[in-house]
Structures are given as structure tokens and as C-alpha cells.
Amino acid sequence: MFRDLKVRGVLIFIVVLAAAYK
């Protein structure tokens, strides 16, 4: 559960960073 949550958080963080750079 915690692992899935962590992975999801990292994925969302990367997506947000990519959107900010674009």
C-alpha cells in the first residue's frame, strides 16, 4: 500500500515538473 502510494506520488511529481518546464 505504502509502496504504491509512494510510486504514484513520484509519478505525479514528475508529471508536474514536466508540465512546469513546458
N, C-alpha and C. Protein backbone atom coordinates (compact mmCIF):
# COMPACT_ATOMS: atom_id res chain seq x y z
N MET A 1 0.84 -1.20 0.00
CA MET A 1 0.00 0.00 0.00
C MET A 1 0.88 1.26 0.00
N PHE A 2 1.79 1.30 0.97
CA PHE A 2 2.67 2.48 1.06
C PHE A 2 3.54 2.60 -0.18
N ARG A 3 3.98 1.45 -0.68
CA ARG A 3 4.85 1.47 -1.87
C ARG A 3 4.08 2.03 -3.06
N ASP A 4 2.86 1.55 -3.26
CA ASP A 4 2.05 2.02 -4.38
C ASP A 4 1.82 3.53 -4.26
N LEU A 5 1.55 3.97 -3.04
CA LEU A 5 1.29 5.40 -2.82
C LEU A 5 2.54 6.21 -3.16
N LYS A 6 3.70 5.69 -2.74
CA LYS A 6 4.96 6.39 -3.00
C LYS A 6 5.21 6.48 -4.51
N VAL A 7 5.02 5.36 -5.20
CA VAL A 7 5.24 5.35 -6.65
C VAL A 7 4.30 6.34 -7.33
N ARG A 8 3.05 6.35 -6.90
CA ARG A 8 2.09 7.28 -7.51
C ARG A 8 2.51 8.72 -7.25
N GLY A 9 2.97 8.99 -6.04
CA GLY A 9 3.39 10.35 -5.71
C GLY A 9 4.56 10.78 -6.59
N VAL A 10 5.52 9.87 -6.78
CA VAL A 10 6.69 10.19 -7.61
C VAL A 10 6.26 10.44 -9.05
N LEU A 11 5.36 9.60 -9.56
CA LEU A 11 4.89 9.76 -10.95
C LEU A 11 4.21 11.11 -11.11
N ILE A 12 3.34 11.45 -10.17
CA ILE A 12 2.64 12.73 -10.25
C ILE A 12 3.64 13.88 -10.16
N PHE A 13 4.64 13.73 -9.28
CA PHE A 13 5.65 14.78 -9.13
C PHE A 13 6.39 15.01 -10.45
N ILE A 14 6.75 13.91 -11.13
CA ILE A 14 7.47 14.01 -12.40
C ILE A 14 6.58 14.70 -13.44
N VAL A 15 5.31 14.32 -13.47
CA VAL A 15 4.38 14.91 -14.44
C VAL A 15 4.25 16.41 -14.19
N VAL A 16 4.15 16.79 -12.92
CA VAL A 16 4.01 18.22 -12.59
C VAL A 16 5.28 18.97 -13.00
N LEU A 17 6.43 18.37 -12.76
CA LEU A 17 7.70 19.02 -13.13
C LEU A 17 7.76 19.19 -14.65
N ALA A 18 7.39 18.15 -15.38
CA ALA A 18 7.42 18.22 -16.84
C ALA A 18 6.47 19.32 -17.33
N ALA A 19 5.31 19.42 -16.73
CA ALA A 19 4.34 20.45 -17.13
C ALA A 19 4.90 21.84 -16.82
N ALA A 20 5.56 21.97 -15.69
CA ALA A 20 6.12 23.27 -15.30
C ALA A 20 7.23 23.69 -16.28
N TYR A 21 8.05 22.72 -16.68
CA TYR A 21 9.14 23.05 -17.61
C TYR A 21 8.59 23.43 -18.97
N LYS A 22 7.47 22.82 -19.36
CA LYS A 22 6.87 23.12 -20.68
C LYS A 22 6.02 24.37 -20.55
